[in-house]
Amino acid sequence: MTAQLDQVFAALADPTRRRILAMLLEDDMAVTDVADPFEMSLAAISKHLGVLTAAGLISQEKRGRVKWCKLEPDALRGASVWMQGFGQMDAIDLDAFEVFLEHQLK
C-alpha cells in the first residue's frame, strides 16, 4: 500500500494533474479534449495522464479510435484512510474536494 500511496500523493503534487482531475469530475473526456485548455503538447498531457493512471486516480480506455479518460472515484480512499490515521483529518468528502478544486483552479 505504501507504494500506491506514494504514487497518489506524487500525482496530486502537480497542479496540471489536479486540474485534469477537476475536469474529469464533470464527465469522461477524450484525451484531446483534456489537452485543449492546456498550453502544452499532447505528448506532455499524455505523460500527465500516465502518472494519474499509474496512481489509479483515472482509467483510460480506447473507444473506436479515441482514447477516453475516466475519474476513478474510490482512488483517494487509501490516502483518506492514511490521513485519518493521524486523528486530525476527517474522511475526504469528494463533493467538498470538487468544490475546493474548482475554487483553486479559477
N, C-alpha and C. Protein backbone atom coordinates (compact mmCIF):
# COMPACT_ATOMS: atom_id res chain seq x y z
N MET A 1 0.82 -1.20 0.00
CA MET A 1 0.00 0.00 0.00
C MET A 1 0.86 1.26 0.00
N THR A 2 2.04 1.21 0.57
CA THR A 2 2.89 2.39 0.65
C THR A 2 3.28 2.91 -0.72
N ALA A 3 3.63 2.01 -1.64
CA ALA A 3 4.00 2.45 -2.99
C ALA A 3 2.81 3.10 -3.69
N GLN A 4 1.63 2.53 -3.53
CA GLN A 4 0.42 3.10 -4.14
C GLN A 4 0.12 4.48 -3.56
N LEU A 5 0.25 4.60 -2.25
CA LEU A 5 0.02 5.88 -1.58
C LEU A 5 1.03 6.92 -2.06
N ASP A 6 2.28 6.53 -2.21
CA ASP A 6 3.29 7.44 -2.73
C ASP A 6 2.92 7.93 -4.13
N GLN A 7 2.42 7.02 -4.96
CA GLN A 7 2.02 7.40 -6.32
C GLN A 7 0.85 8.38 -6.31
N VAL A 8 -0.11 8.16 -5.43
CA VAL A 8 -1.26 9.06 -5.35
C VAL A 8 -0.81 10.46 -4.95
N PHE A 9 -0.01 10.56 -3.88
CA PHE A 9 0.43 11.88 -3.44
C PHE A 9 1.36 12.54 -4.46
N ALA A 10 2.20 11.77 -5.13
CA ALA A 10 3.06 12.33 -6.17
C ALA A 10 2.22 12.86 -7.33
N ALA A 11 1.17 12.12 -7.69
CA ALA A 11 0.30 12.57 -8.77
C ALA A 11 -0.43 13.85 -8.39
N LEU A 12 -0.88 13.94 -7.15
CA LEU A 12 -1.62 15.11 -6.68
C LEU A 12 -0.72 16.33 -6.47
N ALA A 13 0.57 16.13 -6.42
CA ALA A 13 1.50 17.23 -6.16
C ALA A 13 1.60 18.21 -7.33
N ASP A 14 1.19 17.78 -8.52
CA ASP A 14 1.33 18.62 -9.70
C ASP A 14 0.03 19.37 -10.01
N PRO A 15 0.09 20.69 -10.18
CA PRO A 15 -1.14 21.46 -10.43
C PRO A 15 -1.84 21.09 -11.75
N THR A 16 -1.08 20.72 -12.75
CA THR A 16 -1.71 20.31 -14.01
C THR A 16 -2.53 19.05 -13.80
N ARG A 17 -1.99 18.10 -13.07
CA ARG A 17 -2.73 16.86 -12.82
C ARG A 17 -3.96 17.11 -11.94
N ARG A 18 -3.85 18.02 -10.97
CA ARG A 18 -5.02 18.35 -10.16
C ARG A 18 -6.10 19.01 -11.02
N ARG A 19 -5.69 19.83 -11.94
CA ARG A 19 -6.66 20.47 -12.85
C ARG A 19 -7.32 19.43 -13.75
N ILE A 20 -6.56 18.47 -14.23
CA ILE A 20 -7.14 17.39 -15.04
C ILE A 20 -8.18 16.62 -14.23
N LEU A 21 -7.86 16.31 -12.98
CA LEU A 21 -8.82 15.61 -12.12
C LEU A 21 -10.10 16.42 -11.95
N ALA A 22 -9.96 17.73 -11.78
CA ALA A 22 -11.13 18.58 -11.63
C ALA A 22 -11.98 18.55 -12.90
N MET A 23 -11.34 18.54 -14.05
CA MET A 23 -12.07 18.46 -15.31
C MET A 23 -12.83 17.14 -15.42
N LEU A 24 -12.20 16.07 -14.98
CA LEU A 24 -12.83 14.75 -15.09
C LEU A 24 -13.93 14.54 -14.06
N LEU A 25 -14.04 15.43 -13.08
CA LEU A 25 -15.17 15.35 -12.14
C LEU A 25 -16.49 15.55 -12.88
N GLU A 26 -16.45 16.32 -13.96
CA GLU A 26 -17.65 16.61 -14.73
C GLU A 26 -18.13 15.40 -15.52
N ASP A 27 -17.22 14.75 -16.24
CA ASP A 27 -17.59 13.64 -17.11
C ASP A 27 -16.32 13.02 -17.69
N ASP A 28 -16.48 11.86 -18.30
CA ASP A 28 -15.38 11.24 -19.04
C ASP A 28 -15.00 12.18 -20.18
N MET A 29 -13.71 12.17 -20.54
CA MET A 29 -13.26 13.05 -21.61
C MET A 29 -12.27 12.33 -22.50
N ALA A 30 -12.31 12.68 -23.79
CA ALA A 30 -11.31 12.19 -24.72
C ALA A 30 -9.99 12.88 -24.39
N VAL A 31 -8.89 12.21 -24.65
CA VAL A 31 -7.56 12.77 -24.35
C VAL A 31 -7.38 14.11 -25.04
N THR A 32 -7.82 14.24 -26.27
CA THR A 32 -7.66 15.51 -26.98
C THR A 32 -8.46 16.62 -26.31
N ASP A 33 -9.62 16.30 -25.73
CA ASP A 33 -10.42 17.30 -25.02
C ASP A 33 -9.75 17.69 -23.70
N VAL A 34 -9.11 16.73 -23.05
CA VAL A 34 -8.36 17.03 -21.83
C VAL A 34 -7.23 18.00 -22.16
N ALA A 35 -6.59 17.80 -23.30
CA ALA A 35 -5.42 18.61 -23.67
C ALA A 35 -5.79 20.03 -24.09
N ASP A 36 -7.01 20.24 -24.58
CA ASP A 36 -7.41 21.54 -25.15
C ASP A 36 -7.09 22.76 -24.29
N PRO A 37 -7.45 22.78 -23.00
CA PRO A 37 -7.23 24.02 -22.24
C PRO A 37 -5.78 24.28 -21.83
N PHE A 38 -4.89 23.35 -22.10
CA PHE A 38 -3.51 23.49 -21.66
C PHE A 38 -2.62 23.97 -22.80
N GLU A 39 -1.63 24.76 -22.44
CA GLU A 39 -0.66 25.23 -23.42
C GLU A 39 0.57 24.34 -23.37
N MET A 40 0.34 23.07 -23.69
CA MET A 40 1.44 22.11 -23.76
C MET A 40 1.10 21.08 -24.81
N SER A 41 2.07 20.31 -25.20
CA SER A 41 1.87 19.34 -26.26
C SER A 41 0.98 18.18 -25.80
N LEU A 42 0.41 17.49 -26.77
CA LEU A 42 -0.39 16.31 -26.47
C LEU A 42 0.48 15.24 -25.80
N ALA A 43 1.74 15.18 -26.18
CA ALA A 43 2.66 14.22 -25.55
C ALA A 43 2.85 14.54 -24.07
N ALA A 44 2.95 15.81 -23.73
CA ALA A 44 3.11 16.20 -22.33
C ALA A 44 1.86 15.86 -21.53
N ILE A 45 0.68 16.13 -22.10
CA ILE A 45 -0.58 15.77 -21.43
C ILE A 45 -0.66 14.26 -21.25
N SER A 46 -0.24 13.52 -22.26
CA SER A 46 -0.26 12.06 -22.17
C SER A 46 0.61 11.55 -21.03
N LYS A 47 1.74 12.22 -20.79
CA LYS A 47 2.60 11.84 -19.67
C LYS A 47 1.90 12.10 -18.34
N HIS A 48 1.21 13.23 -18.22
CA HIS A 48 0.44 13.53 -17.01
C HIS A 48 -0.66 12.48 -16.81
N LEU A 49 -1.33 12.13 -17.89
CA LEU A 49 -2.39 11.12 -17.80
C LEU A 49 -1.82 9.76 -17.40
N GLY A 50 -0.62 9.47 -17.86
CA GLY A 50 0.04 8.23 -17.48
C GLY A 50 0.33 8.18 -15.98
N VAL A 51 0.76 9.30 -15.42
CA VAL A 51 1.01 9.37 -13.98
C VAL A 51 -0.28 9.16 -13.21
N LEU A 52 -1.36 9.83 -13.66
CA LEU A 52 -2.66 9.69 -12.99
C LEU A 52 -3.18 8.27 -13.10
N THR A 53 -2.96 7.63 -14.23
CA THR A 53 -3.40 6.25 -14.43
C THR A 53 -2.60 5.30 -13.55
N ALA A 54 -1.29 5.49 -13.51
CA ALA A 54 -0.43 4.63 -12.68
C ALA A 54 -0.80 4.75 -11.20
N ALA A 55 -1.24 5.93 -10.79
CA ALA A 55 -1.65 6.14 -9.40
C ALA A 55 -3.05 5.61 -9.13
N GLY A 56 -3.75 5.21 -10.19
CA GLY A 56 -5.10 4.68 -10.03
C GLY A 56 -6.17 5.76 -9.91
N LEU A 57 -5.79 7.02 -10.13
CA LEU A 57 -6.74 8.11 -10.00
C LEU A 57 -7.68 8.22 -11.19
N ILE A 58 -7.21 7.77 -12.35
CA ILE A 58 -8.06 7.73 -13.55
C ILE A 58 -7.85 6.39 -14.24
N SER A 59 -8.76 6.08 -15.13
CA SER A 59 -8.57 4.94 -16.03
C SER A 59 -8.69 5.47 -17.45
N GLN A 60 -8.09 4.75 -18.38
CA GLN A 60 -8.16 5.13 -19.78
C GLN A 60 -8.63 3.92 -20.58
N GLU A 61 -9.47 4.18 -21.55
CA GLU A 61 -9.91 3.10 -22.43
C GLU A 61 -10.07 3.64 -23.83
N LYS A 62 -9.86 2.75 -24.78
CA LYS A 62 -9.99 3.13 -26.17
C LYS A 62 -11.40 2.77 -26.64
N ARG A 63 -12.09 3.74 -27.20
CA ARG A 63 -13.42 3.55 -27.78
C ARG A 63 -13.31 3.94 -29.25
N GLY A 64 -13.27 2.94 -30.10
CA GLY A 64 -13.01 3.21 -31.52
C GLY A 64 -11.60 3.72 -31.67
N ARG A 65 -11.47 4.88 -32.27
CA ARG A 65 -10.14 5.48 -32.46
C ARG A 65 -9.77 6.45 -31.35
N VAL A 66 -10.69 6.69 -30.44
CA VAL A 66 -10.49 7.73 -29.43
C VAL A 66 -10.18 7.11 -28.07
N LYS A 67 -9.18 7.66 -27.41
CA LYS A 67 -8.83 7.23 -26.05
C LYS A 67 -9.55 8.15 -25.05
N TRP A 68 -10.28 7.53 -24.12
CA TRP A 68 -11.08 8.26 -23.14
C TRP A 68 -10.48 8.13 -21.75
N CYS A 69 -10.67 9.17 -20.95
CA CYS A 69 -10.20 9.18 -19.56
C CYS A 69 -11.41 9.26 -18.64
N LYS A 70 -11.32 8.53 -17.55
CA LYS A 70 -12.42 8.49 -16.58
C LYS A 70 -11.84 8.60 -15.18
N LEU A 71 -12.44 9.44 -14.36
CA LEU A 71 -12.04 9.57 -12.97
C LEU A 71 -12.43 8.30 -12.21
N GLU A 72 -11.56 7.81 -11.38
CA GLU A 72 -11.85 6.66 -10.53
C GLU A 72 -12.21 7.19 -9.14
N PRO A 73 -13.50 7.20 -8.82
CA PRO A 73 -13.95 7.89 -7.61
C PRO A 73 -13.42 7.33 -6.29
N ASP A 74 -13.08 6.08 -6.23
CA ASP A 74 -12.59 5.50 -4.98
C ASP A 74 -11.07 5.56 -4.84
N ALA A 75 -10.42 6.20 -5.79
CA ALA A 75 -8.96 6.20 -5.82
C ALA A 75 -8.32 6.92 -4.64
N LEU A 76 -9.02 7.86 -4.05
CA LEU A 76 -8.45 8.61 -2.93
C LEU A 76 -8.73 7.94 -1.59
N ARG A 77 -9.42 6.83 -1.60
CA ARG A 77 -9.79 6.16 -0.35
C ARG A 77 -8.56 5.80 0.49
N GLY A 78 -7.54 5.25 -0.14
CA GLY A 78 -6.33 4.87 0.60
C GLY A 78 -5.66 6.07 1.24
N ALA A 79 -5.59 7.19 0.51
CA ALA A 79 -4.99 8.41 1.05
C ALA A 79 -5.84 8.94 2.20
N SER A 80 -7.14 8.85 2.05
CA SER A 80 -8.05 9.31 3.11
C SER A 80 -7.87 8.48 4.38
N VAL A 81 -7.79 7.17 4.22
CA VAL A 81 -7.59 6.29 5.38
C VAL A 81 -6.26 6.60 6.05
N TRP A 82 -5.24 6.81 5.25
CA TRP A 82 -3.91 7.12 5.80
C TRP A 82 -3.95 8.42 6.59
N MET A 83 -4.61 9.45 6.05
CA MET A 83 -4.70 10.74 6.75
C MET A 83 -5.54 10.63 8.02
N GLN A 84 -6.55 9.80 8.00
CA GLN A 84 -7.38 9.61 9.19
C GLN A 84 -6.57 9.00 10.33
N GLY A 85 -5.54 8.27 9.98
CA GLY A 85 -4.68 7.65 10.98
C GLY A 85 -4.01 8.68 11.90
N PHE A 86 -3.93 9.90 11.46
CA PHE A 86 -3.34 10.95 12.28
C PHE A 86 -4.34 11.55 13.25
N GLY A 87 -5.61 11.18 13.09
CA GLY A 87 -6.64 11.63 14.00
C GLY A 87 -7.01 13.09 13.87
N GLN A 88 -6.40 13.78 12.93
CA GLN A 88 -6.69 15.20 12.76
C GLN A 88 -7.45 15.45 11.47
N MET A 89 -7.65 14.42 10.70
CA MET A 89 -8.31 14.58 9.41
C MET A 89 -9.62 13.80 9.40
N ASP A 90 -10.62 14.39 8.82
CA ASP A 90 -11.88 13.69 8.61
C ASP A 90 -11.79 12.96 7.27
N ALA A 91 -12.73 12.07 7.05
CA ALA A 91 -12.79 11.38 5.76
C ALA A 91 -12.93 12.42 4.64
N ILE A 92 -12.33 12.13 3.51
CA ILE A 92 -12.42 13.05 2.38
C ILE A 92 -13.83 13.01 1.81
N ASP A 93 -14.46 14.16 1.79
CA ASP A 93 -15.77 14.32 1.18
C ASP A 93 -15.50 14.73 -0.27
N LEU A 94 -15.77 13.82 -1.21
CA LEU A 94 -15.42 14.10 -2.60
C LEU A 94 -16.19 15.29 -3.17
N ASP A 95 -17.39 15.53 -2.69
CA ASP A 95 -18.13 16.72 -3.14
C ASP A 95 -17.42 17.99 -2.68
N ALA A 96 -16.98 18.00 -1.43
CA ALA A 96 -16.25 19.15 -0.91
C ALA A 96 -14.90 19.29 -1.63
N PHE A 97 -14.27 18.16 -1.95
CA PHE A 97 -13.00 18.18 -2.67
C PHE A 97 -13.20 18.79 -4.06
N GLU A 98 -14.32 18.47 -4.71
CA GLU A 98 -14.63 19.04 -6.01
C GLU A 98 -14.77 20.56 -5.91
N VAL A 99 -15.51 21.03 -4.92
CA VAL A 99 -15.69 22.48 -4.72
C VAL A 99 -14.34 23.14 -4.47
N PHE A 100 -13.51 22.51 -3.64
CA PHE A 100 -12.17 23.04 -3.36
C PHE A 100 -11.35 23.16 -4.65
N LEU A 101 -11.35 22.10 -5.46
CA LEU A 101 -10.58 22.14 -6.70
C LEU A 101 -11.11 23.21 -7.64
N GLU A 102 -12.42 23.35 -7.73
CA GLU A 102 -12.98 24.37 -8.61
C GLU A 102 -12.56 25.76 -8.18
N HIS A 103 -12.53 26.03 -6.87
CA HIS A 103 -12.12 27.35 -6.38
C HIS A 103 -10.63 27.58 -6.59
N GLN A 104 -9.83 26.53 -6.45
CA GLN A 104 -8.39 26.66 -6.60
C GLN A 104 -8.00 26.91 -8.06
N LEU A 105 -8.81 26.41 -8.98
CA LEU A 105 -8.44 26.48 -10.39
C LEU A 105 -9.06 27.68 -11.11
N LYS A 106 -9.76 28.52 -10.40
CA LYS A 106 -10.36 29.72 -11.04
C LYS A 106 -9.38 30.84 -11.10
